[in-house]
Amino acid sequence: MPRDLSDSYFEDWVAELRALENRPLTAIRYANRLATAARIIAVAAGGPITYSRRSLAVNRLVDVLTGALAITLVLPVFGLVALGTRLATRGPVLARRPRLGKDGVAFDRLEFARSGLELSRWRDCLELTALHELPILVNVVRGDMALIGPPPQDPAMPCAPLKVRPGLASWELLASEGYVRLTLEDARFRDQRRRARDDVALRFYAIRVPARRGSSTRKP
């Protein structure tokens, strides 16, 4: 606290501390969100969040199993979209977008090609349904990305390297677009923390967002 403000708040601080004297330290931390605030400040300053090896292994296992299951379930759709894209363009079916992942490691973000499509209706269909994003599941299975995490970085925009794998869905994206009432700092912290409760809530929001986008684009 700035020195010129310390005197005016001194009595309030003393009264608050006296009220907390007989409470357990853990209760004080949770009641005042001190631990959460400290972690958010550390992340904002560029400090890493520490994970146990067990939590890292569990998160990675969930990503691999879920990604592989999703690919298996949508494999027929995957084939149809690939065929339709092949018929609508003379170029490659897959587009590779250079991105930066964990610790600044470069990788190619996969998606079905949209540029160079001769059929504009097919391009509009891909963008409306987000089917062009299906190949990104391959990025998840092979370890370039995770299901939950901050957006991958564009190499053309210099910024601090990510401390975790980038994800398909993120609190940062939802917060920046106004779908959740979170500050960007808190949203980025949730993306890096990967707590089970936050992951479940994010999946719920990620399902609702496309529906809201579709309803907002309908003509009255």
C-alpha atoms as a PDB file:
ATOM      1  CA  MET A   1       0.000   0.000   0.000  1.00  0.00           C
ATOM      2  CA  PRO A   2       1.278   3.525  -0.748  1.00  0.00           C
ATOM      3  CA  ARG A   3       2.728   5.192   2.312  1.00  0.00           C
ATOM      4  CA  ASP A   4       0.485   8.267   2.081  1.00  0.00           C
ATOM      5  CA  LEU A   5      -2.607   6.047   2.373  1.00  0.00           C
ATOM      6  CA  SER A   6      -1.362   3.849   5.190  1.00  0.00           C
ATOM      7  CA  ASP A   7      -2.401   6.202   7.981  1.00  0.00           C
ATOM      8  CA  SER A   8      -5.984   6.576   6.781  1.00  0.00           C
ATOM      9  CA  TYR A   9      -6.441   2.817   6.542  1.00  0.00           C
ATOM     10  CA  PHE A  10      -4.404   1.816   9.593  1.00  0.00           C
ATOM     11  CA  GLU A  11      -7.349   1.692  12.018  1.00  0.00           C
ATOM     12  CA  ASP A  12      -9.473  -0.290   9.572  1.00  0.00           C
ATOM     13  CA  TRP A  13      -6.650  -2.782   9.093  1.00  0.00           C
ATOM     14  CA  VAL A  14      -6.150  -3.237  12.816  1.00  0.00           C
ATOM     15  CA  ALA A  15      -9.868  -3.810  13.358  1.00  0.00           C
ATOM     16  CA  GLU A  16      -9.986  -6.360  10.541  1.00  0.00           C
ATOM     17  CA  LEU A  17      -6.967  -8.254  11.851  1.00  0.00           C
ATOM     18  CA  ARG A  18      -8.391  -8.378  15.364  1.00  0.00           C
ATOM     19  CA  ALA A  19     -11.598  -9.873  14.004  1.00  0.00           C
ATOM     20  CA  LEU A  20      -9.569 -12.608  12.279  1.00  0.00           C
ATOM     21  CA  GLU A  21      -7.246 -13.405  15.184  1.00  0.00           C
ATOM     22  CA  ASN A  22      -9.186 -16.414  16.428  1.00  0.00           C
ATOM     23  CA  ARG A  23      -9.966 -17.912  13.025  1.00  0.00           C
ATOM     24  CA  PRO A  24      -7.916 -20.720  11.433  1.00  0.00           C
ATOM     25  CA  LEU A  25      -5.488 -19.603   8.763  1.00  0.00           C
ATOM     26  CA  THR A  26      -7.213 -21.705   6.088  1.00  0.00           C
ATOM     27  CA  ALA A  27     -10.551 -20.043   6.895  1.00  0.00           C
ATOM     28  CA  ILE A  28      -8.974 -16.610   6.559  1.00  0.00           C
ATOM     29  CA  ARG A  29      -7.494 -17.526   3.185  1.00  0.00           C
ATOM     30  CA  TYR A  30     -10.744 -18.848   1.759  1.00  0.00           C
ATOM     31  CA  ALA A  31     -12.908 -16.092   3.231  1.00  0.00           C
ATOM     32  CA  ASN A  32     -10.731 -13.362   1.761  1.00  0.00           C
ATOM     33  CA  ARG A  33      -9.663 -15.219  -1.434  1.00  0.00           C
ATOM     34  CA  LEU A  34      -6.033 -14.490  -0.560  1.00  0.00           C
ATOM     35  CA  ALA A  35      -4.632 -17.645  -2.138  1.00  0.00           C
ATOM     36  CA  THR A  36      -6.560 -17.120  -5.369  1.00  0.00           C
ATOM     37  CA  ALA A  37      -5.539 -13.478  -5.538  1.00  0.00           C
ATOM     38  CA  ALA A  38      -1.890 -14.376  -5.009  1.00  0.00           C
ATOM     39  CA  ARG A  39      -1.981 -16.952  -7.819  1.00  0.00           C
ATOM     40  CA  ILE A  40      -3.692 -14.527 -10.219  1.00  0.00           C
ATOM     41  CA  ILE A  41      -1.029 -11.885  -9.485  1.00  0.00           C
ATOM     42  CA  ALA A  42       1.722 -14.469 -10.034  1.00  0.00           C
ATOM     43  CA  VAL A  43       0.274 -15.525 -13.391  1.00  0.00           C
ATOM     44  CA  ALA A  44      -0.189 -11.899 -14.499  1.00  0.00           C
ATOM     45  CA  ALA A  45       3.460 -11.280 -13.650  1.00  0.00           C
ATOM     46  CA  GLY A  46       4.535 -14.205 -15.809  1.00  0.00           C
ATOM     47  CA  GLY A  47       5.035 -16.772 -13.069  1.00  0.00           C
ATOM     48  CA  PRO A  48       4.103 -20.414 -13.755  1.00  0.00           C
ATOM     49  CA  ILE A  49       1.383 -22.365 -11.979  1.00  0.00           C
ATOM     50  CA  THR A  50       2.775 -25.501 -10.389  1.00  0.00           C
ATOM     51  CA  TYR A  51       1.014 -28.823 -10.976  1.00  0.00           C
ATOM     52  CA  SER A  52       1.539 -32.237  -9.511  1.00  0.00           C
ATOM     53  CA  ARG A  53       2.663 -34.953 -11.898  1.00  0.00           C
ATOM     54  CA  ARG A  54      -0.585 -36.756 -11.191  1.00  0.00           C
ATOM     55  CA  SER A  55      -2.778 -33.833 -12.247  1.00  0.00           C
ATOM     56  CA  LEU A  56      -0.728 -33.321 -15.419  1.00  0.00           C
ATOM     57  CA  ALA A  57      -1.055 -37.002 -16.306  1.00  0.00           C
ATOM     58  CA  VAL A  58      -4.803 -36.999 -15.643  1.00  0.00           C
ATOM     59  CA  ASN A  59      -5.381 -33.885 -17.761  1.00  0.00           C
ATOM     60  CA  ARG A  60      -3.354 -35.318 -20.633  1.00  0.00           C
ATOM     61  CA  LEU A  61      -5.135 -38.666 -20.413  1.00  0.00           C
ATOM     62  CA  VAL A  62      -8.528 -36.948 -20.526  1.00  0.00           C
ATOM     63  CA  ASP A  63      -7.448 -34.915 -23.552  1.00  0.00           C
ATOM     64  CA  VAL A  64      -6.188 -37.961 -25.464  1.00  0.00           C
ATOM     65  CA  LEU A  65      -9.168 -40.197 -24.678  1.00  0.00           C
ATOM     66  CA  THR A  66     -11.736 -37.489 -25.370  1.00  0.00           C
ATOM     67  CA  GLY A  67     -10.012 -36.390 -28.566  1.00  0.00           C
ATOM     68  CA  ALA A  68      -9.679 -39.958 -29.859  1.00  0.00           C
ATOM     69  CA  LEU A  69     -13.318 -40.722 -29.008  1.00  0.00           C
ATOM     70  CA  ALA A  70     -14.475 -37.532 -30.731  1.00  0.00           C
ATOM     71  CA  ILE A  71     -12.487 -38.386 -33.876  1.00  0.00           C
ATOM     72  CA  THR A  72     -14.012 -41.873 -33.917  1.00  0.00           C
ATOM     73  CA  LEU A  73     -17.551 -40.528 -33.549  1.00  0.00           C
ATOM     74  CA  VAL A  74     -17.221 -37.840 -36.221  1.00  0.00           C
ATOM     75  CA  LEU A  75     -15.130 -39.909 -38.625  1.00  0.00           C
ATOM     76  CA  PRO A  76     -17.995 -40.238 -41.173  1.00  0.00           C
ATOM     77  CA  VAL A  77     -18.604 -36.475 -41.014  1.00  0.00           C
ATOM     78  CA  PHE A  78     -14.852 -35.940 -41.271  1.00  0.00           C
ATOM     79  CA  GLY A  79     -14.781 -37.955 -44.494  1.00  0.00           C
ATOM     80  CA  LEU A  80     -17.781 -36.154 -46.014  1.00  0.00           C
ATOM     81  CA  VAL A  81     -16.346 -32.712 -45.252  1.00  0.00           C
ATOM     82  CA  ALA A  82     -12.974 -33.739 -46.682  1.00  0.00           C
ATOM     83  CA  LEU A  83     -14.682 -35.005 -49.854  1.00  0.00           C
ATOM     84  CA  GLY A  84     -16.798 -31.875 -50.183  1.00  0.00           C
ATOM     85  CA  THR A  85     -13.770 -29.646 -49.684  1.00  0.00           C
ATOM     86  CA  ARG A  86     -11.820 -31.653 -52.251  1.00  0.00           C
ATOM     87  CA  LEU A  87     -14.598 -31.227 -54.823  1.00  0.00           C
ATOM     88  CA  ALA A  88     -14.926 -27.501 -54.083  1.00  0.00           C
ATOM     89  CA  THR A  89     -11.263 -26.586 -54.372  1.00  0.00           C
ATOM     90  CA  ARG A  90      -8.285 -27.407 -56.528  1.00  0.00           C
ATOM     91  CA  GLY A  91      -5.841 -26.944 -53.674  1.00  0.00           C
ATOM     92  CA  PRO A  92      -5.064 -29.087 -50.622  1.00  0.00           C
ATOM     93  CA  VAL A  93      -7.913 -30.274 -48.404  1.00  0.00           C
ATOM     94  CA  LEU A  94      -6.167 -29.365 -45.160  1.00  0.00           C
ATOM     95  CA  ALA A  95      -4.843 -25.933 -44.283  1.00  0.00           C
ATOM     96  CA  ARG A  96      -1.951 -25.549 -41.833  1.00  0.00           C
ATOM     97  CA  ARG A  97      -1.898 -22.442 -39.669  1.00  0.00           C
ATOM     98  CA  PRO A  98       1.463 -21.795 -37.938  1.00  0.00           C
ATOM     99  CA  ARG A  99       0.920 -21.278 -34.222  1.00  0.00           C
ATOM    100  CA  LEU A 100       2.938 -21.233 -31.006  1.00  0.00           C
ATOM    101  CA  GLY A 101       2.104 -23.614 -28.197  1.00  0.00           C
ATOM    102  CA  LYS A 102       3.494 -24.376 -24.773  1.00  0.00           C
ATOM    103  CA  ASP A 103       6.876 -22.762 -24.094  1.00  0.00           C
ATOM    104  CA  GLY A 104       6.755 -21.089 -27.510  1.00  0.00           C
ATOM    105  CA  VAL A 105       7.079 -24.348 -29.466  1.00  0.00           C
ATOM    106  CA  ALA A 106       5.775 -23.930 -33.034  1.00  0.00           C
ATOM    107  CA  PHE A 107       3.182 -26.284 -34.525  1.00  0.00           C
ATOM    108  CA  ASP A 108       0.702 -26.371 -37.417  1.00  0.00           C
ATOM    109  CA  ARG A 109      -2.917 -25.869 -36.410  1.00  0.00           C
ATOM    110  CA  LEU A 110      -4.969 -28.065 -38.754  1.00  0.00           C
ATOM    111  CA  GLU A 111      -8.308 -27.195 -40.347  1.00  0.00           C
ATOM    112  CA  PHE A 112     -10.169 -27.838 -43.578  1.00  0.00           C
ATOM    113  CA  ALA A 113      -9.193 -25.332 -46.255  1.00  0.00           C
ATOM    114  CA  ARG A 114     -11.562 -22.438 -46.825  1.00  0.00           C
ATOM    115  CA  SER A 115      -9.483 -20.175 -49.043  1.00  0.00           C
ATOM    116  CA  GLY A 116      -9.611 -20.936 -52.756  1.00  0.00           C
ATOM    117  CA  LEU A 117     -12.988 -22.645 -52.556  1.00  0.00           C
ATOM    118  CA  GLU A 118     -14.806 -22.342 -55.846  1.00  0.00           C
ATOM    119  CA  LEU A 119     -18.201 -22.927 -54.219  1.00  0.00           C
ATOM    120  CA  SER A 120     -19.015 -20.034 -51.917  1.00  0.00           C
ATOM    121  CA  ARG A 121     -22.006 -21.884 -50.472  1.00  0.00           C
ATOM    122  CA  TRP A 122     -19.738 -24.682 -49.292  1.00  0.00           C
ATOM    123  CA  ARG A 123     -17.433 -22.162 -47.638  1.00  0.00           C
ATOM    124  CA  ASP A 124     -20.409 -20.501 -45.949  1.00  0.00           C
ATOM    125  CA  CYS A 125     -21.621 -23.897 -44.762  1.00  0.00           C
ATOM    126  CA  LEU A 126     -18.239 -24.710 -43.231  1.00  0.00           C
ATOM    127  CA  GLU A 127     -18.012 -21.385 -41.429  1.00  0.00           C
ATOM    128  CA  LEU A 128     -21.599 -21.485 -40.183  1.00  0.00           C
ATOM    129  CA  THR A 129     -21.312 -25.000 -38.741  1.00  0.00           C
ATOM    130  CA  ALA A 130     -17.599 -24.705 -37.751  1.00  0.00           C
ATOM    131  CA  LEU A 131     -16.995 -28.086 -39.447  1.00  0.00           C
ATOM    132  CA  HIS A 132     -13.709 -26.735 -40.814  1.00  0.00           C
ATOM    133  CA  GLU A 133     -12.384 -26.986 -37.236  1.00  0.00           C
ATOM    134  CA  LEU A 134     -12.691 -30.778 -37.018  1.00  0.00           C
ATOM    135  CA  PRO A 135      -9.018 -31.557 -37.870  1.00  0.00           C
ATOM    136  CA  ILE A 136      -7.953 -29.630 -34.784  1.00  0.00           C
ATOM    137  CA  LEU A 137      -8.842 -32.778 -32.823  1.00  0.00           C
ATOM    138  CA  VAL A 138      -5.713 -34.314 -34.351  1.00  0.00           C
ATOM    139  CA  ASN A 139      -3.693 -31.515 -32.749  1.00  0.00           C
ATOM    140  CA  VAL A 140      -5.179 -32.488 -29.382  1.00  0.00           C
ATOM    141  CA  VAL A 141      -4.405 -36.193 -29.696  1.00  0.00           C
ATOM    142  CA  ARG A 142      -0.816 -35.664 -30.800  1.00  0.00           C
ATOM    143  CA  GLY A 143      -0.123 -33.203 -27.986  1.00  0.00           C
ATOM    144  CA  ASP A 144       0.047 -29.828 -29.743  1.00  0.00           C
ATOM    145  CA  MET A 145      -3.070 -28.599 -27.963  1.00  0.00           C
ATOM    146  CA  ALA A 146      -5.419 -29.494 -25.131  1.00  0.00           C
ATOM    147  CA  LEU A 147      -9.203 -29.425 -24.810  1.00  0.00           C
ATOM    148  CA  ILE A 148      -9.053 -26.605 -22.275  1.00  0.00           C
ATOM    149  CA  GLY A 149      -6.456 -23.859 -22.384  1.00  0.00           C
ATOM    150  CA  PRO A 150      -5.606 -20.377 -23.612  1.00  0.00           C
ATOM    151  CA  PRO A 151      -5.843 -19.657 -27.346  1.00  0.00           C
ATOM    152  CA  PRO A 152      -2.757 -20.621 -29.382  1.00  0.00           C
ATOM    153  CA  GLN A 153      -0.453 -17.718 -30.173  1.00  0.00           C
ATOM    154  CA  ASP A 154       0.114 -16.179 -33.587  1.00  0.00           C
ATOM    155  CA  PRO A 155       3.871 -16.069 -34.404  1.00  0.00           C
ATOM    156  CA  ALA A 156       3.329 -12.674 -36.040  1.00  0.00           C
ATOM    157  CA  MET A 157       2.237 -11.183 -32.696  1.00  0.00           C
ATOM    158  CA  PRO A 158       5.100 -11.237 -30.157  1.00  0.00           C
ATOM    159  CA  CYS A 159       4.040 -12.079 -26.619  1.00  0.00           C
ATOM    160  CA  ALA A 160       5.183 -14.081 -23.596  1.00  0.00           C
ATOM    161  CA  PRO A 161       5.315 -17.870 -24.225  1.00  0.00           C
ATOM    162  CA  LEU A 162       2.419 -19.907 -22.895  1.00  0.00           C
ATOM    163  CA  LYS A 163       3.092 -21.945 -19.760  1.00  0.00           C
ATOM    164  CA  VAL A 164       0.498 -24.579 -20.710  1.00  0.00           C
ATOM    165  CA  ARG A 165      -0.794 -26.183 -23.900  1.00  0.00           C
ATOM    166  CA  PRO A 166      -3.249 -23.986 -25.829  1.00  0.00           C
ATOM    167  CA  GLY A 167      -6.803 -25.260 -25.937  1.00  0.00           C
ATOM    168  CA  LEU A 168      -9.878 -25.615 -28.131  1.00  0.00           C
ATOM    169  CA  ALA A 169     -12.031 -23.756 -25.633  1.00  0.00           C
ATOM    170  CA  SER A 170     -10.910 -21.126 -23.162  1.00  0.00           C
ATOM    171  CA  TRP A 171     -12.329 -18.797 -20.537  1.00  0.00           C
ATOM    172  CA  GLU A 172     -10.267 -16.020 -22.093  1.00  0.00           C
ATOM    173  CA  LEU A 173     -12.163 -16.306 -25.380  1.00  0.00           C
ATOM    174  CA  LEU A 174     -15.561 -16.388 -23.664  1.00  0.00           C
ATOM    175  CA  ALA A 175     -14.650 -13.410 -21.477  1.00  0.00           C
ATOM    176  CA  SER A 176     -13.304 -11.355 -24.391  1.00  0.00           C
ATOM    177  CA  GLU A 177     -16.537 -11.918 -26.332  1.00  0.00           C
ATOM    178  CA  GLY A 178     -18.739 -11.121 -23.344  1.00  0.00           C
ATOM    179  CA  TYR A 179     -20.263 -14.576 -22.825  1.00  0.00           C
ATOM    180  CA  VAL A 180     -19.102 -14.771 -19.189  1.00  0.00           C
ATOM    181  CA  ARG A 181     -18.644 -12.088 -16.576  1.00  0.00           C
ATOM    182  CA  LEU A 182     -14.953 -12.511 -15.875  1.00  0.00           C
ATOM    183  CA  THR A 183     -12.003 -10.182 -16.115  1.00  0.00           C
ATOM    184  CA  LEU A 184      -9.389 -11.265 -18.635  1.00  0.00           C
ATOM    185  CA  GLU A 185      -6.910 -11.820 -15.791  1.00  0.00           C
ATOM    186  CA  ASP A 186      -9.265 -14.177 -13.975  1.00  0.00           C
ATOM    187  CA  ALA A 187     -10.173 -15.921 -17.245  1.00  0.00           C
ATOM    188  CA  ARG A 188      -6.507 -16.516 -18.131  1.00  0.00           C
ATOM    189  CA  PHE A 189      -5.874 -17.849 -14.645  1.00  0.00           C
ATOM    190  CA  ARG A 190      -8.715 -20.365 -15.008  1.00  0.00           C
ATOM    191  CA  ASP A 191      -7.372 -21.498 -18.376  1.00  0.00           C
ATOM    192  CA  GLN A 192      -3.966 -22.263 -16.874  1.00  0.00           C
ATOM    193  CA  ARG A 193      -5.202 -23.762 -13.617  1.00  0.00           C
ATOM    194  CA  ARG A 194      -7.222 -26.587 -15.279  1.00  0.00           C
ATOM    195  CA  ARG A 195      -9.367 -27.335 -12.229  1.00  0.00           C
ATOM    196  CA  ALA A 196     -12.014 -30.032 -12.840  1.00  0.00           C
ATOM    197  CA  ARG A 197     -14.927 -27.823 -11.756  1.00  0.00           C
ATOM    198  CA  ASP A 198     -13.867 -25.037 -14.126  1.00  0.00           C
ATOM    199  CA  ASP A 199     -13.366 -27.496 -17.002  1.00  0.00           C
ATOM    200  CA  VAL A 200     -16.902 -28.870 -16.630  1.00  0.00           C
ATOM    201  CA  ALA A 201     -18.365 -25.364 -16.517  1.00  0.00           C
ATOM    202  CA  LEU A 202     -16.368 -24.312 -19.575  1.00  0.00           C
ATOM    203  CA  ARG A 203     -17.616 -27.294 -21.579  1.00  0.00           C
ATOM    204  CA  PHE A 204     -21.178 -26.305 -20.670  1.00  0.00           C
ATOM    205  CA  TYR A 205     -20.599 -22.754 -21.893  1.00  0.00           C
ATOM    206  CA  ALA A 206     -18.810 -23.977 -25.041  1.00  0.00           C
ATOM    207  CA  ILE A 207     -21.916 -25.974 -26.015  1.00  0.00           C
ATOM    208  CA  ARG A 208     -24.223 -22.999 -25.491  1.00  0.00           C
ATOM    209  CA  VAL A 209     -22.129 -20.389 -27.320  1.00  0.00           C
ATOM    210  CA  PRO A 210     -22.572 -21.763 -30.890  1.00  0.00           C
ATOM    211  CA  ALA A 211     -26.340 -21.872 -30.339  1.00  0.00           C
ATOM    212  CA  ARG A 212     -26.356 -18.267 -29.165  1.00  0.00           C
ATOM    213  CA  ARG A 213     -24.246 -17.220 -32.132  1.00  0.00           C
ATOM    214  CA  GLY A 214     -26.602 -18.977 -34.538  1.00  0.00           C
ATOM    215  CA  SER A 215     -29.712 -17.433 -33.022  1.00  0.00           C
ATOM    216  CA  SER A 216     -28.171 -13.951 -33.108  1.00  0.00           C
ATOM    217  CA  THR A 217     -27.488 -14.230 -36.845  1.00  0.00           C
ATOM    218  CA  ARG A 218     -31.024 -15.209 -37.781  1.00  0.00           C
ATOM    219  CA  LYS A 219     -33.097 -12.670 -39.592  1.00  0.00           C
ATOM    220  CA  PRO A 220     -36.315 -11.560 -37.871  1.00  0.00           C
END
